[in-house]
Protein backbone atom coordinates (compact mmCIF):
# COMPACT_ATOMS: atom_id res chain seq x y z
CA MET A 1 -4.56 12.47 73.51
CA ALA A 2 -6.77 13.58 70.38
CA ASP A 3 -3.50 13.47 68.02
CA ARG A 4 -2.86 10.15 68.67
CA ALA A 5 -6.50 8.91 68.00
CA ARG A 6 -6.28 11.11 64.83
CA HIS A 7 -3.24 9.55 64.13
CA HIS A 8 -4.35 6.18 64.50
CA ARG A 9 -7.90 6.88 62.42
CA GLN A 10 -5.48 7.57 59.44
CA LEU A 11 -3.76 4.98 59.97
CA LEU A 12 -6.07 2.50 59.81
CA ALA A 13 -7.64 4.47 56.87
CA ARG A 14 -4.70 3.82 55.15
CA LEU A 15 -4.59 -0.05 56.14
CA GLY A 16 -8.03 0.04 54.79
CA LEU A 17 -6.65 1.33 51.84
CA LEU A 18 -3.90 -1.02 51.11
CA ARG A 19 -6.25 -4.17 51.98
CA ARG A 20 -8.65 -2.86 49.55
CA PHE A 21 -6.08 -2.95 47.08
CA ALA A 22 -4.83 -5.71 47.74
CA ARG A 23 -8.28 -7.44 47.18
CA ALA A 24 -8.94 -5.81 43.75
CA ASP A 25 -8.48 -7.74 40.90
CA ASP A 26 -9.81 -5.17 38.22
CA GLY A 27 -6.57 -5.07 36.50
CA ALA A 28 -5.49 -8.40 36.48
CA THR A 29 -6.61 -9.40 32.89
CA ALA A 30 -4.12 -5.84 31.77
CA ILE A 31 -1.08 -7.12 34.08
CA GLU A 32 -1.36 -10.77 32.52
CA PHE A 33 -1.75 -9.05 28.92
CA ALA A 34 1.59 -7.24 29.29
CA PHE A 35 3.59 -10.51 30.56
CA VAL A 36 2.08 -12.34 27.02
CA ALA A 37 1.95 -9.47 24.91
CA ILE A 38 5.71 -9.00 23.93
CA PRO A 39 6.73 -12.44 22.90
CA PHE A 40 3.01 -12.44 20.85
CA LEU A 41 4.21 -9.78 18.96
CA ILE A 42 8.09 -11.08 18.99
CA LEU A 43 6.11 -14.14 17.18
CA VAL A 44 3.43 -11.92 14.61
CA PHE A 45 6.37 -9.48 13.56
CA ALA A 46 8.63 -12.90 12.84
CA ILE A 47 5.91 -14.09 10.89
CA ILE A 48 5.44 -11.29 8.53
CA GLU A 49 9.41 -10.96 8.55
CA LEU A 50 9.53 -14.11 7.07
CA GLY A 51 6.82 -13.95 4.77
CA LEU A 52 8.56 -10.82 3.64
CA ILE A 53 11.96 -12.68 3.02
CA PHE A 54 10.35 -15.50 1.20
CA LEU A 55 8.50 -12.59 -0.68
CA VAL A 56 12.36 -11.73 -1.91
CA SER A 57 13.38 -14.96 -2.42
CA MET A 58 10.50 -15.58 -4.94
CA GLY A 59 10.72 -11.42 -6.46
CA LEU A 60 14.52 -12.37 -7.05
CA GLU A 61 14.19 -16.18 -8.59
CA ASN A 62 11.54 -14.33 -10.76
CA ALA A 63 13.33 -11.44 -11.76
CA LEU A 64 16.52 -13.65 -12.80
CA MET A 65 14.59 -16.25 -14.56
CA VAL A 66 13.00 -13.48 -17.07
CA VAL A 67 15.89 -11.57 -17.35
CA ASP A 68 18.72 -14.47 -17.81
CA ARG A 69 16.67 -15.55 -20.71
CA THR A 70 17.64 -12.06 -22.87
CA ILE A 71 21.58 -14.13 -22.30
CA ARG A 72 20.23 -17.63 -23.10
CA THR A 73 18.43 -15.99 -26.81
CA GLY A 74 21.45 -14.03 -27.30
CA GLU A 75 19.51 -10.72 -26.66
CA LEU A 76 21.85 -8.92 -24.34
CA GLN A 77 24.88 -10.04 -26.31
CA THR A 78 23.81 -9.02 -29.92
CA ASN A 79 22.89 -5.60 -28.23
CA GLY A 80 25.72 -4.68 -26.74
CA GLY A 81 24.39 -5.58 -23.14
CA ASP A 82 27.22 -5.13 -19.78
CA ALA A 83 26.84 -5.96 -16.70
CA ALA A 84 25.50 -2.60 -15.70
CA SER A 85 22.38 -2.76 -18.06
CA PHE A 86 21.79 -6.63 -16.59
CA LYS A 87 21.26 -5.30 -12.86
CA GLN A 88 18.86 -2.38 -14.25
CA ALA A 89 17.08 -4.93 -16.20
CA VAL A 90 16.80 -7.05 -13.07
CA CYS A 91 16.32 -4.57 -10.56
CA GLY A 92 13.73 -3.47 -12.76
CA GLU A 93 11.91 -6.59 -12.54
CA MET A 94 11.71 -6.16 -8.86
CA SER A 95 10.84 -2.22 -8.84
CA TRP A 96 8.33 -3.38 -5.68
CA LEU A 97 11.33 -3.17 -3.83
CA GLY A 98 12.61 0.62 -4.49
CA GLY A 99 15.83 2.09 -4.80
CA SER A 100 17.66 -0.37 -2.44
CA CYS A 101 18.08 -2.95 -5.19
CA SER A 102 20.84 -1.86 -7.28
CA SER A 103 22.89 -1.56 -3.41
CA ALA A 104 21.70 -4.77 -1.85
CA LEU A 105 21.91 -6.85 -5.36
CA THR A 106 24.88 -9.05 -6.78
CA LEU A 107 25.02 -10.68 -9.77
CA ASP A 108 27.50 -12.79 -10.84
CA VAL A 109 27.59 -14.35 -14.71
CA ARG A 110 29.55 -16.92 -16.07
CA ALA A 111 30.47 -19.27 -18.93
CA LEU A 112 31.77 -22.16 -18.35
CA PRO A 113 33.56 -25.09 -20.09
CA SER A 114 31.14 -27.75 -18.43
CA PHE A 115 28.04 -28.49 -16.70
CA ALA A 116 30.89 -30.34 -13.97
CA GLN A 117 32.48 -26.75 -13.17
CA THR A 118 28.71 -25.41 -11.65
CA SER A 119 29.29 -26.86 -8.25
CA GLY A 120 32.42 -25.82 -6.34
CA LEU A 121 32.67 -21.88 -7.31
CA PRO A 122 33.49 -20.09 -4.60
CA THR A 123 30.47 -17.26 -3.46
CA PRO A 124 31.32 -13.76 -5.36
CA ASN A 125 32.36 -10.56 -3.32
CA SER A 126 32.88 -7.16 -4.88
CA ALA A 127 36.40 -8.05 -5.91
CA ASN A 128 35.94 -11.59 -7.92
CA VAL A 129 32.75 -10.74 -9.44
CA CYS A 130 32.32 -11.55 -13.25
CA PHE A 131 29.91 -10.85 -16.01
CA ASP A 132 30.47 -13.03 -19.22
CA PRO A 133 27.11 -14.28 -20.85
CA GLY A 134 29.43 -16.25 -23.19
CA GLY A 135 28.44 -16.85 -26.51
CA PRO A 136 26.22 -19.19 -28.71
CA GLY A 137 25.90 -23.10 -27.31
CA SER A 138 27.96 -21.74 -23.75
CA ILE A 139 26.88 -23.01 -20.50
CA VAL A 140 26.19 -20.00 -18.36
CA LEU A 141 25.90 -19.88 -14.74
CA VAL A 142 23.97 -16.97 -13.48
CA ARG A 143 23.72 -16.37 -9.62
CA GLY A 144 21.99 -13.52 -7.61
CA TYR A 145 22.66 -12.71 -3.91
CA TYR A 146 20.69 -10.06 -2.54
CA LYS A 147 21.31 -8.66 1.30
CA TRP A 148 18.34 -8.35 3.08
CA PRO A 149 17.93 -6.60 6.20
CA VAL A 150 16.82 -9.04 9.51
CA ILE A 151 14.50 -6.12 11.79
CA THR A 152 13.09 -8.97 14.57
CA PRO A 153 15.31 -9.06 16.87
CA LEU A 154 15.66 -12.96 17.47
CA LEU A 155 15.76 -13.38 13.84
CA GLN A 156 18.58 -11.50 13.76
CA GLU A 157 20.70 -14.05 15.59
CA ALA A 158 19.31 -17.17 13.63
CA LEU A 159 18.93 -15.84 10.12
CA ALA A 160 21.22 -13.07 9.80
CA GLY A 161 24.87 -12.91 10.10
CA SER A 162 26.95 -10.11 11.89
CA SER A 163 25.79 -7.81 9.88
CA GLY A 164 22.11 -8.26 10.53
CA ASN A 165 21.25 -8.87 6.46
CA ARG A 166 20.18 -12.20 5.08
CA GLN A 167 21.60 -13.11 2.04
CA ILE A 168 19.27 -14.29 -0.54
CA THR A 169 20.24 -16.31 -3.11
CA PHE A 170 19.39 -17.76 -7.13
CA ALA A 171 21.92 -19.73 -9.06
CA ALA A 172 19.98 -21.10 -12.93
CA VAL A 173 22.52 -22.57 -14.93
CA PHE A 174 21.68 -23.44 -19.14
CA THR A 175 22.50 -23.49 -22.45
CA ASN A 176 23.08 -20.84 -24.59
CA GLU A 177 20.76 -20.99 -27.74
CA PRO A 178 22.84 -21.28 -31.10
CA TYR A 179 22.13 -18.22 -32.26
CA SER A 180 24.83 -17.33 -33.96
CA GLU A 181 27.94 -19.42 -35.36
CA THR A 182 30.89 -17.17 -33.98
CA PRO A 183 32.14 -18.80 -30.97
CA VAL A 184 33.22 -16.68 -28.30
CA PRO A 185 36.12 -17.53 -25.50
CA ILE A 186 35.13 -17.95 -21.54
CA LYS A 187 36.66 -14.39 -20.26
CA CYS A 188 36.61 -15.53 -16.29
CA GLN A 189 37.21 -18.85 -14.63
């Protein structure tokens, strides 16, 4: 009988503890924050990542605008510049990205017979990249493609392809200045 009474008291004590636990609302705020924190943090990281993508886009645009001036004025052609030196100059303008620029950047420079042929050109890959800065008076199309890795999970599905990279592009079309009298044939079609 004494064991039964002691067991009954222990059971009542446990039930009392359970009732107090059920009535306590001290941790309710922490639990509510746990439900809201994950979507909130994903939203914050998505905003930061979109800002970085915009920053890289503006950096690529600025770098190509600065460096393609060397083509427009004939400085690159007269100094014997090639695709590697042009890419190095563009990456130099985007030095804040670090060493990833040379592997993530694809440049396509083409002299075209007319402005009408600037549309409809396929996006170059490593097999059909061209470097033809043209000569004096040439119409030149400079296109830059930068692969930026997208990290935020929901943005990967919305912005990136199957590779997980967002391709950031910029293109400029201009006519070279008449820096000499020697015409240059078009190399890439």
